[in-house]
Amino acid sequence: MKIFPFLIVLLTGGLLIYGTQEMPPWGDPNAPASLHVSPRYIEKTVEETATPDMVTSVLADYRGYDTLGETTVIFTAGLSCLLLLRKDRE
């Protein structure tokens, strides 16, 4: 077993766990997202997007570039896997 990659994984995992200690509890009504972001989406969705469905308006209008970015990352990862795993015909 190679020790260096194992230590890197342990260090990264430890940092990720440490980073989640300051997050608000799940479903906390006093979390910043519950106090600022959600009420705006709920109150202004129909007025700003003309879409009665809140989920569609958030994904398509408010977070459109974010959704496009996530789709691009997944497409690039899939294409990279295909290129790395292809068989050469020689």
PDB file of N, CA and C in Angstrom:
ATOM      1  N   MET A   1       0.842  -1.183   0.000  1.00  0.00           N
ATOM      2  CA  MET A   1       0.000   0.000   0.000  1.00  0.00           C
ATOM      3  C   MET A   1       0.887   1.246   0.000  1.00  0.00           C
ATOM      4  N   LYS A   2       0.540   2.175  -0.853  1.00  0.00           N
ATOM      5  CA  LYS A   2       1.310   3.413  -0.911  1.00  0.00           C
ATOM      6  C   LYS A   2       0.806   4.361   0.170  1.00  0.00           C
ATOM      7  N   ILE A   3       1.699   4.848   0.972  1.00  0.00           N
ATOM      8  CA  ILE A   3       1.317   5.624   2.148  1.00  0.00           C
ATOM      9  C   ILE A   3       0.997   7.084   1.814  1.00  0.00           C
ATOM     10  N   PHE A   4       1.704   7.678   0.836  1.00  0.00           N
ATOM     11  CA  PHE A   4       1.493   9.098   0.532  1.00  0.00           C
ATOM     12  C   PHE A   4       0.080   9.386   0.026  1.00  0.00           C
ATOM     13  N   PRO A   5      -0.443   8.641  -0.962  1.00  0.00           N
ATOM     14  CA  PRO A   5      -1.832   8.907  -1.384  1.00  0.00           C
ATOM     15  C   PRO A   5      -2.844   8.692  -0.263  1.00  0.00           C
ATOM     16  N   PHE A   6      -2.584   7.703   0.589  1.00  0.00           N
ATOM     17  CA  PHE A   6      -3.472   7.432   1.714  1.00  0.00           C
ATOM     18  C   PHE A   6      -3.493   8.611   2.686  1.00  0.00           C
ATOM     19  N   LEU A   7      -2.329   9.189   2.948  1.00  0.00           N
ATOM     20  CA  LEU A   7      -2.259  10.352   3.846  1.00  0.00           C
ATOM     21  C   LEU A   7      -2.963  11.563   3.236  1.00  0.00           C
ATOM     22  N   ILE A   8      -2.827  11.746   1.925  1.00  0.00           N
ATOM     23  CA  ILE A   8      -3.510  12.854   1.250  1.00  0.00           C
ATOM     24  C   ILE A   8      -5.031  12.700   1.377  1.00  0.00           C
ATOM     25  N   VAL A   9      -5.517  11.469   1.196  1.00  0.00           N
ATOM     26  CA  VAL A   9      -6.961  11.215   1.317  1.00  0.00           C
ATOM     27  C   VAL A   9      -7.430  11.468   2.748  1.00  0.00           C
ATOM     28  N   LEU A  10      -6.676  11.005   3.717  1.00  0.00           N
ATOM     29  CA  LEU A  10      -7.035  11.241   5.120  1.00  0.00           C
ATOM     30  C   LEU A  10      -7.041  12.732   5.461  1.00  0.00           C
ATOM     31  N   LEU A  11      -6.033  13.455   4.987  1.00  0.00           N
ATOM     32  CA  LEU A  11      -5.958  14.890   5.252  1.00  0.00           C
ATOM     33  C   LEU A  11      -7.132  15.630   4.596  1.00  0.00           C
ATOM     34  N   THR A  12      -7.429  15.291   3.350  1.00  0.00           N
ATOM     35  CA  THR A  12      -8.547  15.936   2.663  1.00  0.00           C
ATOM     36  C   THR A  12      -9.870  15.619   3.355  1.00  0.00           C
ATOM     37  N   GLY A  13     -10.077  14.364   3.721  1.00  0.00           N
ATOM     38  CA  GLY A  13     -11.294  13.982   4.436  1.00  0.00           C
ATOM     39  C   GLY A  13     -11.422  14.707   5.766  1.00  0.00           C
ATOM     40  N   GLY A  14     -10.319  14.816   6.496  1.00  0.00           N
ATOM     41  CA  GLY A  14     -10.336  15.527   7.767  1.00  0.00           C
ATOM     42  C   GLY A  14     -10.678  16.999   7.602  1.00  0.00           C
ATOM     43  N   LEU A  15     -10.109  17.633   6.560  1.00  0.00           N
ATOM     44  CA  LEU A  15     -10.421  19.038   6.302  1.00  0.00           C
ATOM     45  C   LEU A  15     -11.880  19.234   5.904  1.00  0.00           C
ATOM     46  N   LEU A  16     -12.421  18.312   5.126  1.00  0.00           N
ATOM     47  CA  LEU A  16     -13.835  18.415   4.744  1.00  0.00           C
ATOM     48  C   LEU A  16     -14.745  18.255   5.961  1.00  0.00           C
ATOM     49  N   ILE A  17     -14.437  17.335   6.814  1.00  0.00           N
ATOM     50  CA  ILE A  17     -15.245  17.146   8.026  1.00  0.00           C
ATOM     51  C   ILE A  17     -15.121  18.361   8.943  1.00  0.00           C
ATOM     52  N   TYR A  18     -13.903  18.883   9.084  1.00  0.00           N
ATOM     53  CA  TYR A  18     -13.698  20.080   9.900  1.00  0.00           C
ATOM     54  C   TYR A  18     -14.477  21.274   9.341  1.00  0.00           C
ATOM     55  N   GLY A  19     -14.530  21.383   8.019  1.00  0.00           N
ATOM     56  CA  GLY A  19     -15.235  22.491   7.388  1.00  0.00           C
ATOM     57  C   GLY A  19     -16.735  22.447   7.581  1.00  0.00           C
ATOM     58  N   THR A  20     -17.292  21.284   7.835  1.00  0.00           N
ATOM     59  CA  THR A  20     -18.740  21.184   8.006  1.00  0.00           C
ATOM     60  C   THR A  20     -19.186  21.435   9.447  1.00  0.00           C
ATOM     61  N   GLN A  21     -18.270  21.629  10.351  1.00  0.00           N
ATOM     62  CA  GLN A  21     -18.640  21.822  11.755  1.00  0.00           C
ATOM     63  C   GLN A  21     -19.361  23.151  11.997  1.00  0.00           C
ATOM     64  N   GLU A  22     -19.088  24.156  11.186  1.00  0.00           N
ATOM     65  CA  GLU A  22     -19.687  25.479  11.369  1.00  0.00           C
ATOM     66  C   GLU A  22     -20.980  25.676  10.591  1.00  0.00           C
ATOM     67  N   MET A  23     -21.430  24.658   9.889  1.00  0.00           N
ATOM     68  CA  MET A  23     -22.672  24.785   9.120  1.00  0.00           C
ATOM     69  C   MET A  23     -23.865  24.789  10.065  1.00  0.00           C
ATOM     70  N   PRO A  24     -24.933  25.513   9.703  1.00  0.00           N
ATOM     71  CA  PRO A  24     -26.127  25.499  10.557  1.00  0.00           C
ATOM     72  C   PRO A  24     -26.788  24.122  10.516  1.00  0.00           C
ATOM     73  N   PRO A  25     -27.508  23.755  11.559  1.00  0.00           N
ATOM     74  CA  PRO A  25     -28.185  22.459  11.564  1.00  0.00           C
ATOM     75  C   PRO A  25     -29.183  22.347  10.413  1.00  0.00           C
ATOM     76  N   TRP A  26     -29.432  21.120   9.997  1.00  0.00           N
ATOM     77  CA  TRP A  26     -30.354  20.861   8.889  1.00  0.00           C
ATOM     78  C   TRP A  26     -31.751  21.347   9.242  1.00  0.00           C
ATOM     79  N   GLY A  27     -32.340  22.168   8.390  1.00  0.00           N
ATOM     80  CA  GLY A  27     -33.694  22.653   8.614  1.00  0.00           C
ATOM     81  C   GLY A  27     -33.793  23.798   9.599  1.00  0.00           C
ATOM     82  N   ASP A  28     -32.678  24.427   9.943  1.00  0.00           N
ATOM     83  CA  ASP A  28     -32.682  25.530  10.896  1.00  0.00           C
ATOM     84  C   ASP A  28     -33.405  26.741  10.287  1.00  0.00           C
ATOM     85  N   PRO A  29     -34.491  27.209  10.905  1.00  0.00           N
ATOM     86  CA  PRO A  29     -35.211  28.352  10.334  1.00  0.00           C
ATOM     87  C   PRO A  29     -34.434  29.663  10.447  1.00  0.00           C
ATOM     88  N   ASN A  30     -33.380  29.706  11.246  1.00  0.00           N
ATOM     89  CA  ASN A  30     -32.579  30.912  11.395  1.00  0.00           C
ATOM     90  C   ASN A  30     -31.318  30.897  10.535  1.00  0.00           C
ATOM     91  N   ALA A  31     -31.192  29.915   9.657  1.00  0.00           N
ATOM     92  CA  ALA A  31     -30.048  29.851   8.751  1.00  0.00           C
ATOM     93  C   ALA A  31     -30.144  30.991   7.734  1.00  0.00           C
ATOM     94  N   PRO A  32     -29.018  31.509   7.244  1.00  0.00           N
ATOM     95  CA  PRO A  32     -29.059  32.624   6.286  1.00  0.00           C
ATOM     96  C   PRO A  32     -29.890  32.335   5.039  1.00  0.00           C
ATOM     97  N   ALA A  33     -29.846  31.118   4.538  1.00  0.00           N
ATOM     98  CA  ALA A  33     -30.630  30.796   3.347  1.00  0.00           C
ATOM     99  C   ALA A  33     -32.130  30.866   3.629  1.00  0.00           C
ATOM    100  N   SER A  34     -32.514  30.525   4.843  1.00  0.00           N
ATOM    101  CA  SER A  34     -33.934  30.565   5.199  1.00  0.00           C
ATOM    102  C   SER A  34     -34.416  31.985   5.479  1.00  0.00           C
ATOM    103  N   LEU A  35     -33.513  32.858   5.871  1.00  0.00           N
ATOM    104  CA  LEU A  35     -33.911  34.219   6.218  1.00  0.00           C
ATOM    105  C   LEU A  35     -33.871  35.190   5.034  1.00  0.00           C
ATOM    106  N   HIS A  36     -32.983  34.949   4.073  1.00  0.00           N
ATOM    107  CA  HIS A  36     -32.787  35.930   3.009  1.00  0.00           C
ATOM    108  C   HIS A  36     -33.160  35.402   1.625  1.00  0.00           C
ATOM    109  N   VAL A  37     -32.680  34.240   1.269  1.00  0.00           N
ATOM    110  CA  VAL A  37     -32.832  33.747  -0.100  1.00  0.00           C
ATOM    111  C   VAL A  37     -34.227  33.177  -0.337  1.00  0.00           C
ATOM    112  N   SER A  38     -34.656  32.254   0.487  1.00  0.00           N
ATOM    113  CA  SER A  38     -35.945  31.586   0.272  1.00  0.00           C
ATOM    114  C   SER A  38     -37.132  32.538   0.250  1.00  0.00           C
ATOM    115  N   PRO A  39     -37.250  33.485   1.179  1.00  0.00           N
ATOM    116  CA  PRO A  39     -38.405  34.387   1.120  1.00  0.00           C
ATOM    117  C   PRO A  39     -38.463  35.199  -0.178  1.00  0.00           C
ATOM    118  N   ARG A  40     -37.310  35.590  -0.686  1.00  0.00           N
ATOM    119  CA  ARG A  40     -37.309  36.352  -1.945  1.00  0.00           C
ATOM    120  C   ARG A  40     -37.823  35.489  -3.086  1.00  0.00           C
ATOM    121  N   TYR A  41     -37.363  34.249  -3.176  1.00  0.00           N
ATOM    122  CA  TYR A  41     -37.841  33.352  -4.226  1.00  0.00           C
ATOM    123  C   TYR A  41     -39.347  33.126  -4.101  1.00  0.00           C
ATOM    124  N   ILE A  42     -39.822  32.937  -2.889  1.00  0.00           N
ATOM    125  CA  ILE A  42     -41.240  32.650  -2.678  1.00  0.00           C
ATOM    126  C   ILE A  42     -42.099  33.866  -3.026  1.00  0.00           C
ATOM    127  N   GLU A  43     -41.665  35.043  -2.633  1.00  0.00           N
ATOM    128  CA  GLU A  43     -42.475  36.250  -2.836  1.00  0.00           C
ATOM    129  C   GLU A  43     -42.415  36.798  -4.264  1.00  0.00           C
ATOM    130  N   LYS A  44     -41.278  36.691  -4.929  1.00  0.00           N
ATOM    131  CA  LYS A  44     -41.093  37.381  -6.205  1.00  0.00           C
ATOM    132  C   LYS A  44     -41.039  36.456  -7.424  1.00  0.00           C
ATOM    133  N   THR A  45     -41.262  35.164  -7.256  1.00  0.00           N
ATOM    134  CA  THR A  45     -41.134  34.234  -8.374  1.00  0.00           C
ATOM    135  C   THR A  45     -42.073  34.571  -9.527  1.00  0.00           C
ATOM    136  N   VAL A  46     -43.334  34.690  -9.258  1.00  0.00           N
ATOM    137  CA  VAL A  46     -44.298  34.933 -10.334  1.00  0.00           C
ATOM    138  C   VAL A  46     -44.075  36.316 -10.943  1.00  0.00           C
ATOM    139  N   GLU A  47     -43.777  37.286 -10.121  1.00  0.00           N
ATOM    140  CA  GLU A  47     -43.581  38.661 -10.595  1.00  0.00           C
ATOM    141  C   GLU A  47     -42.341  38.792 -11.500  1.00  0.00           C
ATOM    142  N   GLU A  48     -41.241  38.169 -11.117  1.00  0.00           N
ATOM    143  CA  GLU A  48     -39.991  38.346 -11.865  1.00  0.00           C
ATOM    144  C   GLU A  48     -39.817  37.370 -13.021  1.00  0.00           C
ATOM    145  N   THR A  49     -40.401  36.171 -12.923  1.00  0.00           N
ATOM    146  CA  THR A  49     -40.136  35.152 -13.946  1.00  0.00           C
ATOM    147  C   THR A  49     -41.365  34.774 -14.755  1.00  0.00           C
ATOM    148  N   ALA A  50     -42.523  35.153 -14.308  1.00  0.00           N
ATOM    149  CA  ALA A  50     -43.787  34.784 -14.973  1.00  0.00           C
ATOM    150  C   ALA A  50     -43.942  33.273 -15.068  1.00  0.00           C
ATOM    151  N   THR A  51     -43.417  32.567 -14.081  1.00  0.00           N
ATOM    152  CA  THR A  51     -43.526  31.111 -14.015  1.00  0.00           C
ATOM    153  C   THR A  51     -44.212  30.750 -12.710  1.00  0.00           C
ATOM    154  N   PRO A  52     -45.366  30.069 -12.768  1.00  0.00           N
ATOM    155  CA  PRO A  52     -46.074  29.755 -11.529  1.00  0.00           C
ATOM    156  C   PRO A  52     -45.401  28.660 -10.701  1.00  0.00           C
ATOM    157  N   ASP A  53     -44.559  27.853 -11.325  1.00  0.00           N
ATOM    158  CA  ASP A  53     -43.879  26.777 -10.604  1.00  0.00           C
ATOM    159  C   ASP A  53     -42.554  27.301 -10.040  1.00  0.00           C
ATOM    160  N   MET A  54     -42.428  27.297  -8.714  1.00  0.00           N
ATOM    161  CA  MET A  54     -41.254  27.854  -8.072  1.00  0.00           C
ATOM    162  C   MET A  54     -39.980  27.081  -8.374  1.00  0.00           C
ATOM    163  N   VAL A  55     -40.058  25.763  -8.440  1.00  0.00           N
ATOM    164  CA  VAL A  55     -38.867  24.949  -8.701  1.00  0.00           C
ATOM    165  C   VAL A  55     -38.313  25.257 -10.089  1.00  0.00           C
ATOM    166  N   THR A  56     -39.191  25.338 -11.071  1.00  0.00           N
ATOM    167  CA  THR A  56     -38.751  25.652 -12.432  1.00  0.00           C
ATOM    168  C   THR A  56     -38.142  27.034 -12.503  1.00  0.00           C
ATOM    169  N   SER A  57     -38.735  27.993 -11.840  1.00  0.00           N
ATOM    170  CA  SER A  57     -38.191  29.352 -11.900  1.00  0.00           C
ATOM    171  C   SER A  57     -36.825  29.438 -11.229  1.00  0.00           C
ATOM    172  N   VAL A  58     -36.624  28.725 -10.134  1.00  0.00           N
ATOM    173  CA  VAL A  58     -35.324  28.762  -9.455  1.00  0.00           C
ATOM    174  C   VAL A  58     -34.258  28.099 -10.324  1.00  0.00           C
ATOM    175  N   LEU A  59     -34.557  26.917 -10.880  1.00  0.00           N
ATOM    176  CA  LEU A  59     -33.556  26.207 -11.677  1.00  0.00           C
ATOM    177  C   LEU A  59     -33.301  26.872 -13.024  1.00  0.00           C
ATOM    178  N   ALA A  60     -34.326  27.360 -13.671  1.00  0.00           N
ATOM    179  CA  ALA A  60     -34.157  27.896 -15.021  1.00  0.00           C
ATOM    180  C   ALA A  60     -33.818  29.382 -15.044  1.00  0.00           C
ATOM    181  N   ASP A  61     -34.431  30.172 -14.173  1.00  0.00           N
ATOM    182  CA  ASP A  61     -34.220  31.616 -14.239  1.00  0.00           C
ATOM    183  C   ASP A  61     -33.170  32.116 -13.252  1.00  0.00           C
ATOM    184  N   TYR A  62     -33.358  31.831 -11.979  1.00  0.00           N
ATOM    185  CA  TYR A  62     -32.434  32.356 -10.976  1.00  0.00           C
ATOM    186  C   TYR A  62     -31.075  31.677 -11.025  1.00  0.00           C
ATOM    187  N   ARG A  63     -31.051  30.364 -11.240  1.00  0.00           N
ATOM    188  CA  ARG A  63     -29.799  29.626 -11.221  1.00  0.00           C
ATOM    189  C   ARG A  63     -29.450  29.052 -12.593  1.00  0.00           C
ATOM    190  N   GLY A  64     -29.846  29.718 -13.646  1.00  0.00           N
ATOM    191  CA  GLY A  64     -29.630  29.215 -14.998  1.00  0.00           C
ATOM    192  C   GLY A  64     -28.166  29.005 -15.333  1.00  0.00           C
ATOM    193  N   TYR A  65     -27.326  29.987 -15.023  1.00  0.00           N
ATOM    194  CA  TYR A  65     -25.900  29.852 -15.333  1.00  0.00           C
ATOM    195  C   TYR A  65     -25.255  28.768 -14.473  1.00  0.00           C
ATOM    196  N   ASP A  66     -25.685  28.651 -13.243  1.00  0.00           N
ATOM    197  CA  ASP A  66     -25.158  27.614 -12.369  1.00  0.00           C
ATOM    198  C   ASP A  66     -25.512  26.232 -12.910  1.00  0.00           C
ATOM    199  N   THR A  67     -26.766  26.054 -13.330  1.00  0.00           N
ATOM    200  CA  THR A  67     -27.197  24.779 -13.888  1.00  0.00           C
ATOM    201  C   THR A  67     -26.434  24.478 -15.177  1.00  0.00           C
ATOM    202  N   LEU A  68     -26.224  25.493 -16.013  1.00  0.00           N
ATOM    203  CA  LEU A  68     -25.454  25.310 -17.236  1.00  0.00           C
ATOM    204  C   LEU A  68     -24.017  24.910 -16.904  1.00  0.00           C
ATOM    205  N   GLY A  69     -23.437  25.520 -15.900  1.00  0.00           N
ATOM    206  CA  GLY A  69     -22.072  25.173 -15.483  1.00  0.00           C
ATOM    207  C   GLY A  69     -21.972  23.738 -14.989  1.00  0.00           C
ATOM    208  N   GLU A  70     -22.938  23.316 -14.186  1.00  0.00           N
ATOM    209  CA  GLU A  70     -22.933  21.937 -13.695  1.00  0.00           C
ATOM    210  C   GLU A  70     -23.069  20.938 -14.841  1.00  0.00           C
ATOM    211  N   THR A  71     -23.928  21.253 -15.801  1.00  0.00           N
ATOM    212  CA  THR A  71     -24.099  20.376 -16.959  1.00  0.00           C
ATOM    213  C   THR A  71     -22.810  20.304 -17.770  1.00  0.00           C
ATOM    214  N   THR A  72     -22.123  21.419 -17.921  1.00  0.00           N
ATOM    215  CA  THR A  72     -20.863  21.440 -18.660  1.00  0.00           C
ATOM    216  C   THR A  72     -19.798  20.603 -17.957  1.00  0.00           C
ATOM    217  N   VAL A  73     -19.725  20.689 -16.642  1.00  0.00           N
ATOM    218  CA  VAL A  73     -18.747  19.906 -15.885  1.00  0.00           C
ATOM    219  C   VAL A  73     -19.027  18.410 -16.040  1.00  0.00           C
ATOM    220  N   ILE A  74     -20.292  18.010 -15.942  1.00  0.00           N
ATOM    221  CA  ILE A  74     -20.638  16.589 -16.076  1.00  0.00           C
ATOM    222  C   ILE A  74     -20.339  16.099 -17.492  1.00  0.00           C
ATOM    223  N   PHE A  75     -20.657  16.897 -18.505  1.00  0.00           N
ATOM    224  CA  PHE A  75     -20.363  16.523 -19.886  1.00  0.00           C
ATOM    225  C   PHE A  75     -18.856  16.375 -20.095  1.00  0.00           C
ATOM    226  N   THR A  76     -18.071  17.317 -19.573  1.00  0.00           N
ATOM    227  CA  THR A  76     -16.626  17.265 -19.724  1.00  0.00           C
ATOM    228  C   THR A  76     -16.041  16.049 -19.013  1.00  0.00           C
ATOM    229  N   ALA A  77     -16.548  15.727 -17.838  1.00  0.00           N
ATOM    230  CA  ALA A  77     -16.065  14.548 -17.112  1.00  0.00           C
ATOM    231  C   ALA A  77     -16.390  13.266 -17.878  1.00  0.00           C
ATOM    232  N   GLY A  78     -17.585  13.176 -18.422  1.00  0.00           N
ATOM    233  CA  GLY A  78     -17.956  12.003 -19.204  1.00  0.00           C
ATOM    234  C   GLY A  78     -17.115  11.863 -20.453  1.00  0.00           C
ATOM    235  N   LEU A  79     -16.892  12.955 -21.150  1.00  0.00           N
ATOM    236  CA  LEU A  79     -16.057  12.938 -22.350  1.00  0.00           C
ATOM    237  C   LEU A  79     -14.624  12.549 -22.004  1.00  0.00           C
ATOM    238  N   SER A  80     -14.105  13.053 -20.901  1.00  0.00           N
ATOM    239  CA  SER A  80     -12.754  12.699 -20.465  1.00  0.00           C
ATOM    240  C   SER A  80     -12.644  11.214 -20.159  1.00  0.00           C
ATOM    241  N   CYS A  81     -13.651  10.661 -19.499  1.00  0.00           N
ATOM    242  CA  CYS A  81     -13.645   9.220 -19.206  1.00  0.00           C
ATOM    243  C   CYS A  81     -13.653   8.408 -20.496  1.00  0.00           C
ATOM    244  N   LEU A  82     -14.456   8.824 -21.458  1.00  0.00           N
ATOM    245  CA  LEU A  82     -14.482   8.105 -22.741  1.00  0.00           C
ATOM    246  C   LEU A  82     -13.128   8.168 -23.442  1.00  0.00           C
ATOM    247  N   LEU A  83     -12.495   9.323 -23.410  1.00  0.00           N
ATOM    248  CA  LEU A  83     -11.193   9.457 -24.064  1.00  0.00           C
ATOM    249  C   LEU A  83     -10.114   8.662 -23.348  1.00  0.00           C
ATOM    250  N   LEU A  84     -10.164   8.605 -22.031  1.00  0.00           N
ATOM    251  CA  LEU A  84      -9.152   7.863 -21.274  1.00  0.00           C
ATOM    252  C   LEU A  84      -9.340   6.348 -21.374  1.00  0.00           C
ATOM    253  N   LEU A  85     -10.565   5.892 -21.491  1.00  0.00           N
ATOM    254  CA  LEU A  85     -10.841   4.463 -21.464  1.00  0.00           C
ATOM    255  C   LEU A  85     -10.990   3.834 -22.846  1.00  0.00           C
ATOM    256  N   ARG A  86     -10.805   4.617 -23.904  1.00  0.00           N
ATOM    257  CA  ARG A  86     -10.975   4.060 -25.243  1.00  0.00           C
ATOM    258  C   ARG A  86      -9.830   3.116 -25.586  1.00  0.00           C
ATOM    259  N   LYS A  87     -10.106   2.241 -26.509  1.00  0.00           N
ATOM    260  CA  LYS A  87      -9.089   1.291 -26.977  1.00  0.00           C
ATOM    261  C   LYS A  87      -8.496   1.827 -28.276  1.00  0.00           C
ATOM    262  N   ASP A  88      -7.189   1.762 -28.366  1.00  0.00           N
ATOM    263  CA  ASP A  88      -6.535   2.173 -29.596  1.00  0.00           C
ATOM    264  C   ASP A  88      -6.603   1.042 -30.608  1.00  0.00           C
ATOM    265  N   ARG A  89      -6.898   1.371 -31.848  1.00  0.00           N
ATOM    266  CA  ARG A  89      -6.983   0.371 -32.899  1.00  0.00           C
ATOM    267  C   ARG A  89      -5.687   0.388 -33.706  1.00  0.00           C
ATOM    268  N   GLU A  90      -4.755  -0.391 -33.281  1.00  0.00           N
ATOM    269  CA  GLU A  90      -3.465  -0.464 -33.980  1.00  0.00           C
ATOM    270  C   GLU A  90      -3.180  -1.850 -34.449  1.00  0.00           C
TER     271      GLU A  90
END
